[in-house]
Amino acid sequence: MDTSNETTPTRETGGDRVPEGEGISAPFAAESDGPPQTSVFDGAGNESVVVLAENKDGRMAEGTGTTLDDALKDAKEGDTLLGDAFNPRH
């Protein structure tokens, strides 16, 4: 089956994927000015962005959401902290 004309569905187009260039399709943190991010999938195949960013107290935290903005907000407001030695840009 030729799927060369098909695009990956995103949440914006009624699919279960995050926006293009976010999550697992984001550039490596060392190659961009953006935060480190990846994706996780639930049992139904729905994708969520996972991001590492400083929280409101300046500690490294993990956040998740359906977009990068949602995940950053979750990390900044949340309490899923990472250890003091964790630095994703090393």
PDB file of N, CA and C in Angstrom:
ATOM      1  N   MET A   1       0.838  -1.176   0.000  1.00  0.00           N
ATOM      2  CA  MET A   1       0.000   0.000   0.000  1.00  0.00           C
ATOM      3  C   MET A   1       0.882   1.239   0.000  1.00  0.00           C
ATOM      4  N   ASP A   2       0.687   2.141  -0.922  1.00  0.00           N
ATOM      5  CA  ASP A   2       1.462   3.370  -1.020  1.00  0.00           C
ATOM      6  C   ASP A   2       0.869   4.421  -0.077  1.00  0.00           C
ATOM      7  N   THR A   3       1.668   4.846   0.909  1.00  0.00           N
ATOM      8  CA  THR A   3       1.212   5.862   1.852  1.00  0.00           C
ATOM      9  C   THR A   3       2.016   7.146   1.710  1.00  0.00           C
ATOM     10  N   SER A   4       2.704   7.332   0.588  1.00  0.00           N
ATOM     11  CA  SER A   4       3.588   8.480   0.410  1.00  0.00           C
ATOM     12  C   SER A   4       2.850   9.813   0.421  1.00  0.00           C
ATOM     13  N   ASN A   5       1.563   9.826   0.127  1.00  0.00           N
ATOM     14  CA  ASN A   5       0.808  11.077   0.134  1.00  0.00           C
ATOM     15  C   ASN A   5       0.084  11.320   1.452  1.00  0.00           C
ATOM     16  N   GLU A   6       0.203  10.388   2.392  1.00  0.00           N
ATOM     17  CA  GLU A   6      -0.479  10.532   3.667  1.00  0.00           C
ATOM     18  C   GLU A   6       0.411  11.271   4.658  1.00  0.00           C
ATOM     19  N   THR A   7      -0.200  12.040   5.554  1.00  0.00           N
ATOM     20  CA  THR A   7       0.540  12.703   6.610  1.00  0.00           C
ATOM     21  C   THR A   7       0.182  12.057   7.937  1.00  0.00           C
ATOM     22  N   THR A   8       1.080  12.179   8.892  1.00  0.00           N
ATOM     23  CA  THR A   8       0.814  11.636  10.214  1.00  0.00           C
ATOM     24  C   THR A   8      -0.259  12.474  10.882  1.00  0.00           C
ATOM     25  N   PRO A   9      -1.345  11.856  11.347  1.00  0.00           N
ATOM     26  CA  PRO A   9      -2.400  12.641  11.991  1.00  0.00           C
ATOM     27  C   PRO A   9      -1.910  13.222  13.310  1.00  0.00           C
ATOM     28  N   THR A  10      -2.252  14.466  13.591  1.00  0.00           N
ATOM     29  CA  THR A  10      -1.935  15.095  14.871  1.00  0.00           C
ATOM     30  C   THR A  10      -3.232  15.376  15.598  1.00  0.00           C
ATOM     31  N   ARG A  11      -3.136  15.747  16.854  1.00  0.00           N
ATOM     32  CA  ARG A  11      -4.336  16.122  17.601  1.00  0.00           C
ATOM     33  C   ARG A  11      -5.043  17.277  16.908  1.00  0.00           C
ATOM     34  N   GLU A  12      -4.256  18.164  16.255  1.00  0.00           N
ATOM     35  CA  GLU A  12      -4.839  19.317  15.566  1.00  0.00           C
ATOM     36  C   GLU A  12      -5.671  18.903  14.354  1.00  0.00           C
ATOM     37  N   THR A  13      -5.378  17.729  13.785  1.00  0.00           N
ATOM     38  CA  THR A  13      -6.118  17.268  12.610  1.00  0.00           C
ATOM     39  C   THR A  13      -7.022  16.090  12.939  1.00  0.00           C
ATOM     40  N   GLY A  14      -7.309  15.908  14.220  1.00  0.00           N
ATOM     41  CA  GLY A  14      -8.225  14.840  14.625  1.00  0.00           C
ATOM     42  C   GLY A  14      -7.553  13.514  14.894  1.00  0.00           C
ATOM     43  N   GLY A  15      -6.222  13.493  14.952  1.00  0.00           N
ATOM     44  CA  GLY A  15      -5.502  12.257  15.220  1.00  0.00           C
ATOM     45  C   GLY A  15      -5.069  12.158  16.671  1.00  0.00           C
ATOM     46  N   ASP A  16      -4.201  11.220  16.937  1.00  0.00           N
ATOM     47  CA  ASP A  16      -3.761  10.994  18.310  1.00  0.00           C
ATOM     48  C   ASP A  16      -2.278  11.291  18.491  1.00  0.00           C
ATOM     49  N   ARG A  17      -1.703  12.129  17.631  1.00  0.00           N
ATOM     50  CA  ARG A  17      -0.283  12.472  17.694  1.00  0.00           C
ATOM     51  C   ARG A  17      -0.115  13.922  18.102  1.00  0.00           C
ATOM     52  N   VAL A  18       1.044  14.251  18.666  1.00  0.00           N
ATOM     53  CA  VAL A  18       1.333  15.632  19.048  1.00  0.00           C
ATOM     54  C   VAL A  18       1.727  16.420  17.803  1.00  0.00           C
ATOM     55  N   PRO A  19       1.752  17.763  17.879  1.00  0.00           N
ATOM     56  CA  PRO A  19       2.115  18.562  16.701  1.00  0.00           C
ATOM     57  C   PRO A  19       3.508  18.218  16.159  1.00  0.00           C
ATOM     58  N   GLU A  20       3.685  18.324  14.866  1.00  0.00           N
ATOM     59  CA  GLU A  20       4.965  18.047  14.198  1.00  0.00           C
ATOM     60  C   GLU A  20       6.065  18.889  14.831  1.00  0.00           C
ATOM     61  N   GLY A  21       7.223  18.285  15.052  1.00  0.00           N
ATOM     62  CA  GLY A  21       8.362  18.987  15.636  1.00  0.00           C
ATOM     63  C   GLY A  21       8.356  19.000  17.153  1.00  0.00           C
ATOM     64  N   GLU A  22       7.385  18.338  17.772  1.00  0.00           N
ATOM     65  CA  GLU A  22       7.325  18.240  19.221  1.00  0.00           C
ATOM     66  C   GLU A  22       7.411  16.780  19.629  1.00  0.00           C
ATOM     67  N   GLY A  23       7.708  16.560  20.901  1.00  0.00           N
ATOM     68  CA  GLY A  23       7.799  15.195  21.407  1.00  0.00           C
ATOM     69  C   GLY A  23       8.929  14.440  20.757  1.00  0.00           C
ATOM     70  N   ILE A  24       8.637  13.238  20.293  1.00  0.00           N
ATOM     71  CA  ILE A  24       9.671  12.375  19.725  1.00  0.00           C
ATOM     72  C   ILE A  24      10.246  12.918  18.412  1.00  0.00           C
ATOM     73  N   SER A  25       9.505  13.795  17.725  1.00  0.00           N
ATOM     74  CA  SER A  25      10.023  14.353  16.469  1.00  0.00           C
ATOM     75  C   SER A  25      10.735  15.684  16.683  1.00  0.00           C
ATOM     76  N   ALA A  26      10.929  16.108  17.936  1.00  0.00           N
ATOM     77  CA  ALA A  26      11.659  17.345  18.229  1.00  0.00           C
ATOM     78  C   ALA A  26      13.146  17.139  17.989  1.00  0.00           C
ATOM     79  N   PRO A  27      13.871  18.217  17.670  1.00  0.00           N
ATOM     80  CA  PRO A  27      15.323  18.076  17.523  1.00  0.00           C
ATOM     81  C   PRO A  27      15.962  17.763  18.876  1.00  0.00           C
ATOM     82  N   PHE A  28      17.164  17.185  18.855  1.00  0.00           N
ATOM     83  CA  PHE A  28      17.888  16.930  20.094  1.00  0.00           C
ATOM     84  C   PHE A  28      18.110  18.246  20.824  1.00  0.00           C
ATOM     85  N   ALA A  29      18.060  18.228  22.155  1.00  0.00           N
ATOM     86  CA  ALA A  29      18.227  19.441  22.955  1.00  0.00           C
ATOM     87  C   ALA A  29      19.572  20.108  22.670  1.00  0.00           C
ATOM     88  N   ALA A  30      20.612  19.319  22.456  1.00  0.00           N
ATOM     89  CA  ALA A  30      21.937  19.878  22.176  1.00  0.00           C
ATOM     90  C   ALA A  30      21.997  20.572  20.817  1.00  0.00           C
ATOM     91  N   GLU A  31      21.032  20.296  19.957  1.00  0.00           N
ATOM     92  CA  GLU A  31      21.014  20.876  18.612  1.00  0.00           C
ATOM     93  C   GLU A  31      19.974  21.990  18.479  1.00  0.00           C
ATOM     94  N   SER A  32      19.360  22.401  19.593  1.00  0.00           N
ATOM     95  CA  SER A  32      18.330  23.436  19.526  1.00  0.00           C
ATOM     96  C   SER A  32      18.369  24.289  20.783  1.00  0.00           C
ATOM     97  N   ASP A  33      17.589  25.334  20.775  1.00  0.00           N
ATOM     98  CA  ASP A  33      17.454  26.181  21.957  1.00  0.00           C
ATOM     99  C   ASP A  33      16.313  25.711  22.844  1.00  0.00           C
ATOM    100  N   GLY A  34      15.615  24.667  22.418  1.00  0.00           N
ATOM    101  CA  GLY A  34      14.459  24.183  23.160  1.00  0.00           C
ATOM    102  C   GLY A  34      14.834  23.221  24.264  1.00  0.00           C
ATOM    103  N   PRO A  35      13.857  22.884  25.088  1.00  0.00           N
ATOM    104  CA  PRO A  35      14.101  21.954  26.188  1.00  0.00           C
ATOM    105  C   PRO A  35      14.166  20.510  25.689  1.00  0.00           C
ATOM    106  N   PRO A  36      14.811  19.622  26.450  1.00  0.00           N
ATOM    107  CA  PRO A  36      14.807  18.203  26.096  1.00  0.00           C
ATOM    108  C   PRO A  36      13.375  17.665  26.149  1.00  0.00           C
ATOM    109  N   GLN A  37      12.986  16.926  25.121  1.00  0.00           N
ATOM    110  CA  GLN A  37      11.635  16.367  25.101  1.00  0.00           C
ATOM    111  C   GLN A  37      11.614  15.038  24.363  1.00  0.00           C
ATOM    112  N   THR A  38      10.621  14.247  24.687  1.00  0.00           N
ATOM    113  CA  THR A  38      10.379  12.972  24.025  1.00  0.00           C
ATOM    114  C   THR A  38       8.877  12.729  24.080  1.00  0.00           C
ATOM    115  N   SER A  39       8.464  11.522  23.752  1.00  0.00           N
ATOM    116  CA  SER A  39       7.045  11.176  23.773  1.00  0.00           C
ATOM    117  C   SER A  39       6.816   9.893  24.552  1.00  0.00           C
ATOM    118  N   VAL A  40       5.616   9.764  25.074  1.00  0.00           N
ATOM    119  CA  VAL A  40       5.138   8.510  25.640  1.00  0.00           C
ATOM    120  C   VAL A  40       3.793   8.223  24.996  1.00  0.00           C
ATOM    121  N   PHE A  41       3.436   6.951  24.952  1.00  0.00           N
ATOM    122  CA  PHE A  41       2.180   6.530  24.330  1.00  0.00           C
ATOM    123  C   PHE A  41       1.382   5.701  25.330  1.00  0.00           C
ATOM    124  N   ASP A  42       0.073   5.932  25.380  1.00  0.00           N
ATOM    125  CA  ASP A  42      -0.764   5.106  26.243  1.00  0.00           C
ATOM    126  C   ASP A  42      -1.133   3.820  25.509  1.00  0.00           C
ATOM    127  N   GLY A  43      -1.902   2.972  26.141  1.00  0.00           N
ATOM    128  CA  GLY A  43      -2.265   1.686  25.558  1.00  0.00           C
ATOM    129  C   GLY A  43      -3.067   1.784  24.279  1.00  0.00           C
ATOM    130  N   ALA A  44      -3.697   2.933  24.033  1.00  0.00           N
ATOM    131  CA  ALA A  44      -4.479   3.132  22.813  1.00  0.00           C
ATOM    132  C   ALA A  44      -3.666   3.784  21.705  1.00  0.00           C
ATOM    133  N   GLY A  45      -2.390   4.093  21.973  1.00  0.00           N
ATOM    134  CA  GLY A  45      -1.536   4.700  20.960  1.00  0.00           C
ATOM    135  C   GLY A  45      -1.557   6.216  20.943  1.00  0.00           C
ATOM    136  N   ASN A  46      -2.212   6.836  21.916  1.00  0.00           N
ATOM    137  CA  ASN A  46      -2.236   8.291  21.999  1.00  0.00           C
ATOM    138  C   ASN A  46      -0.899   8.796  22.510  1.00  0.00           C
ATOM    139  N   GLU A  47      -0.364   9.813  21.849  1.00  0.00           N
ATOM    140  CA  GLU A  47       0.956  10.340  22.158  1.00  0.00           C
ATOM    141  C   GLU A  47       0.859  11.551  23.085  1.00  0.00           C
ATOM    142  N   SER A  48       1.786  11.646  24.030  1.00  0.00           N
ATOM    143  CA  SER A  48       1.922  12.822  24.890  1.00  0.00           C
ATOM    144  C   SER A  48       3.382  13.261  24.884  1.00  0.00           C
ATOM    145  N   VAL A  49       3.611  14.574  24.999  1.00  0.00           N
ATOM    146  CA  VAL A  49       4.956  15.138  25.085  1.00  0.00           C
ATOM    147  C   VAL A  49       5.447  15.019  26.517  1.00  0.00           C
ATOM    148  N   VAL A  50       6.716  14.629  26.683  1.00  0.00           N
ATOM    149  CA  VAL A  50       7.396  14.622  27.976  1.00  0.00           C
ATOM    150  C   VAL A  50       8.549  15.606  27.848  1.00  0.00           C
ATOM    151  N   VAL A  51       8.632  16.555  28.779  1.00  0.00           N
ATOM    152  CA  VAL A  51       9.658  17.592  28.705  1.00  0.00           C
ATOM    153  C   VAL A  51      10.369  17.721  30.041  1.00  0.00           C
ATOM    154  N   LEU A  52      11.639  18.128  29.993  1.00  0.00           N
ATOM    155  CA  LEU A  52      12.423  18.417  31.187  1.00  0.00           C
ATOM    156  C   LEU A  52      12.675  19.917  31.212  1.00  0.00           C
ATOM    157  N   ALA A  53      12.323  20.570  32.327  1.00  0.00           N
ATOM    158  CA  ALA A  53      12.474  22.017  32.442  1.00  0.00           C
ATOM    159  C   ALA A  53      12.573  22.396  33.908  1.00  0.00           C
ATOM    160  N   GLU A  54      13.006  23.619  34.176  1.00  0.00           N
ATOM    161  CA  GLU A  54      13.051  24.102  35.549  1.00  0.00           C
ATOM    162  C   GLU A  54      11.649  24.407  36.038  1.00  0.00           C
ATOM    163  N   ASN A  55      11.371  24.031  37.293  1.00  0.00           N
ATOM    164  CA  ASN A  55      10.071  24.335  37.872  1.00  0.00           C
ATOM    165  C   ASN A  55      10.113  25.721  38.499  1.00  0.00           C
ATOM    166  N   LYS A  56       9.056  26.103  39.184  1.00  0.00           N
ATOM    167  CA  LYS A  56       8.949  27.445  39.770  1.00  0.00           C
ATOM    168  C   LYS A  56      10.021  27.707  40.825  1.00  0.00           C
ATOM    169  N   ASP A  57      10.628  26.647  41.383  1.00  0.00           N
ATOM    170  CA  ASP A  57      11.674  26.779  42.394  1.00  0.00           C
ATOM    171  C   ASP A  57      13.078  26.678  41.802  1.00  0.00           C
ATOM    172  N   GLY A  58      13.180  26.560  40.470  1.00  0.00           N
ATOM    173  CA  GLY A  58      14.481  26.462  39.814  1.00  0.00           C
ATOM    174  C   GLY A  58      15.083  25.076  39.801  1.00  0.00           C
ATOM    175  N   ARG A  59      14.327  24.067  40.197  1.00  0.00           N
ATOM    176  CA  ARG A  59      14.790  22.680  40.176  1.00  0.00           C
ATOM    177  C   ARG A  59      14.346  22.017  38.884  1.00  0.00           C
ATOM    178  N   MET A  60      15.120  21.038  38.397  1.00  0.00           N
ATOM    179  CA  MET A  60      14.732  20.317  37.190  1.00  0.00           C
ATOM    180  C   MET A  60      13.513  19.458  37.493  1.00  0.00           C
ATOM    181  N   ALA A  61      12.530  19.526  36.589  1.00  0.00           N
ATOM    182  CA  ALA A  61      11.289  18.776  36.765  1.00  0.00           C
ATOM    183  C   ALA A  61      10.850  18.210  35.425  1.00  0.00           C
ATOM    184  N   GLU A  62      10.009  17.193  35.494  1.00  0.00           N
ATOM    185  CA  GLU A  62       9.443  16.562  34.303  1.00  0.00           C
ATOM    186  C   GLU A  62       7.982  16.973  34.197  1.00  0.00           C
ATOM    187  N   GLY A  63       7.548  17.257  32.969  1.00  0.00           N
ATOM    188  CA  GLY A  63       6.145  17.573  32.743  1.00  0.00           C
ATOM    189  C   GLY A  63       5.637  16.847  31.517  1.00  0.00           C
ATOM    190  N   THR A  64       4.330  16.618  31.458  1.00  0.00           N
ATOM    191  CA  THR A  64       3.718  15.967  30.308  1.00  0.00           C
ATOM    192  C   THR A  64       2.509  16.762  29.848  1.00  0.00           C
ATOM    193  N   GLY A  65       2.157  16.606  28.571  1.00  0.00           N
ATOM    194  CA  GLY A  65       0.975  17.258  28.032  1.00  0.00           C
ATOM    195  C   GLY A  65       0.753  16.875  26.587  1.00  0.00           C
ATOM    196  N   THR A  66      -0.349  17.342  26.028  1.00  0.00           N
ATOM    197  CA  THR A  66      -0.659  17.010  24.635  1.00  0.00           C
ATOM    198  C   THR A  66       0.118  17.873  23.652  1.00  0.00           C
ATOM    199  N   THR A  67       0.728  18.964  24.144  1.00  0.00           N
ATOM    200  CA  THR A  67       1.612  19.812  23.327  1.00  0.00           C
ATOM    201  C   THR A  67       2.823  20.180  24.176  1.00  0.00           C
ATOM    202  N   LEU A  68       3.854  20.733  23.544  1.00  0.00           N
ATOM    203  CA  LEU A  68       5.031  21.182  24.275  1.00  0.00           C
ATOM    204  C   LEU A  68       4.646  22.244  25.297  1.00  0.00           C
ATOM    205  N   ASP A  69       3.798  23.197  24.921  1.00  0.00           N
ATOM    206  CA  ASP A  69       3.384  24.246  25.857  1.00  0.00           C
ATOM    207  C   ASP A  69       2.699  23.667  27.091  1.00  0.00           C
ATOM    208  N   ASP A  70       1.821  22.681  26.881  1.00  0.00           N
ATOM    209  CA  ASP A  70       1.143  22.034  28.009  1.00  0.00           C
ATOM    210  C   ASP A  70       2.146  21.315  28.909  1.00  0.00           C
ATOM    211  N   ALA A  71       3.121  20.632  28.304  1.00  0.00           N
ATOM    212  CA  ALA A  71       4.119  19.898  29.070  1.00  0.00           C
ATOM    213  C   ALA A  71       5.021  20.852  29.857  1.00  0.00           C
ATOM    214  N   LEU A  72       5.408  21.984  29.247  1.00  0.00           N
ATOM    215  CA  LEU A  72       6.223  22.975  29.957  1.00  0.00           C
ATOM    216  C   LEU A  72       5.464  23.554  31.144  1.00  0.00           C
ATOM    217  N   LYS A  73       4.203  23.841  30.959  1.00  0.00           N
ATOM    218  CA  LYS A  73       3.376  24.363  32.053  1.00  0.00           C
ATOM    219  C   LYS A  73       3.312  23.349  33.195  1.00  0.00           C
ATOM    220  N   ASP A  74       3.124  22.074  32.848  1.00  0.00           N
ATOM    221  CA  ASP A  74       3.073  21.018  33.852  1.00  0.00           C
ATOM    222  C   ASP A  74       4.395  20.918  34.614  1.00  0.00           C
ATOM    223  N   ALA A  75       5.529  21.020  33.903  1.00  0.00           N
ATOM    224  CA  ALA A  75       6.839  20.944  34.553  1.00  0.00           C
ATOM    225  C   ALA A  75       7.060  22.137  35.481  1.00  0.00           C
ATOM    226  N   LYS A  76       6.704  23.325  35.025  1.00  0.00           N
ATOM    227  CA  LYS A  76       6.926  24.531  35.830  1.00  0.00           C
ATOM    228  C   LYS A  76       6.050  24.552  37.079  1.00  0.00           C
ATOM    229  N   GLU A  77       4.834  24.044  36.984  1.00  0.00           N
ATOM    230  CA  GLU A  77       3.904  24.072  38.109  1.00  0.00           C
ATOM    231  C   GLU A  77       3.924  22.794  38.936  1.00  0.00           C
ATOM    232  N   GLY A  78       4.472  21.725  38.367  1.00  0.00           N
ATOM    233  CA  GLY A  78       4.403  20.420  39.009  1.00  0.00           C
ATOM    234  C   GLY A  78       5.474  20.174  40.039  1.00  0.00           C
ATOM    235  N   ASP A  79       5.459  18.964  40.586  1.00  0.00           N
ATOM    236  CA  ASP A  79       6.430  18.593  41.608  1.00  0.00           C
ATOM    237  C   ASP A  79       7.125  17.270  41.295  1.00  0.00           C
ATOM    238  N   THR A  80       7.169  16.897  40.010  1.00  0.00           N
ATOM    239  CA  THR A  80       7.887  15.690  39.614  1.00  0.00           C
ATOM    240  C   THR A  80       9.343  16.083  39.396  1.00  0.00           C
ATOM    241  N   LEU A  81      10.101  16.132  40.500  1.00  0.00           N
ATOM    242  CA  LEU A  81      11.478  16.619  40.469  1.00  0.00           C
ATOM    243  C   LEU A  81      12.452  15.549  40.020  1.00  0.00           C
ATOM    244  N   LEU A  82      13.546  16.016  39.446  1.00  0.00           N
ATOM    245  CA  LEU A  82      14.662  15.156  39.086  1.00  0.00           C
ATOM    246  C   LEU A  82      15.802  15.465  40.061  1.00  0.00           C
ATOM    247  N   GLY A  83      16.724  14.542  40.225  1.00  0.00           N
ATOM    248  CA  GLY A  83      17.828  14.732  41.155  1.00  0.00           C
ATOM    249  C   GLY A  83      18.685  15.948  40.843  1.00  0.00           C
ATOM    250  N   ASP A  84      19.375  16.468  41.868  1.00  0.00           N
ATOM    251  CA  ASP A  84      20.208  17.652  41.718  1.00  0.00           C
ATOM    252  C   ASP A  84      21.308  17.488  40.670  1.00  0.00           C
ATOM    253  N   ALA A  85      21.810  16.264  40.483  1.00  0.00           N
ATOM    254  CA  ALA A  85      22.890  16.023  39.524  1.00  0.00           C
ATOM    255  C   ALA A  85      22.404  15.916  38.095  1.00  0.00           C
ATOM    256  N   PHE A  86      21.088  15.889  37.901  1.00  0.00           N
ATOM    257  CA  PHE A  86      20.552  15.708  36.553  1.00  0.00           C
ATOM    258  C   PHE A  86      20.693  16.994  35.750  1.00  0.00           C
ATOM    259  N   ASN A  87      21.390  16.874  34.620  1.00  0.00           N
ATOM    260  CA  ASN A  87      21.526  18.014  33.708  1.00  0.00           C
ATOM    261  C   ASN A  87      21.452  17.462  32.301  1.00  0.00           C
ATOM    262  N   PRO A  88      20.322  17.618  31.604  1.00  0.00           N
ATOM    263  CA  PRO A  88      20.146  16.983  30.296  1.00  0.00           C
ATOM    264  C   PRO A  88      21.033  17.540  29.189  1.00  0.00           C
ATOM    265  N   ARG A  89      21.725  18.632  29.412  1.00  0.00           N
ATOM    266  CA  ARG A  89      22.565  19.215  28.359  1.00  0.00           C
ATOM    267  C   ARG A  89      24.030  18.807  28.479  1.00  0.00           C
ATOM    268  N   HIS A  90      24.377  17.928  29.421  1.00  0.00           N
ATOM    269  CA  HIS A  90      25.756  17.457  29.536  1.00  0.00           C
ATOM    270  C   HIS A  90      26.084  16.528  28.403  1.00  0.00           C
TER     271      HIS A  90
END
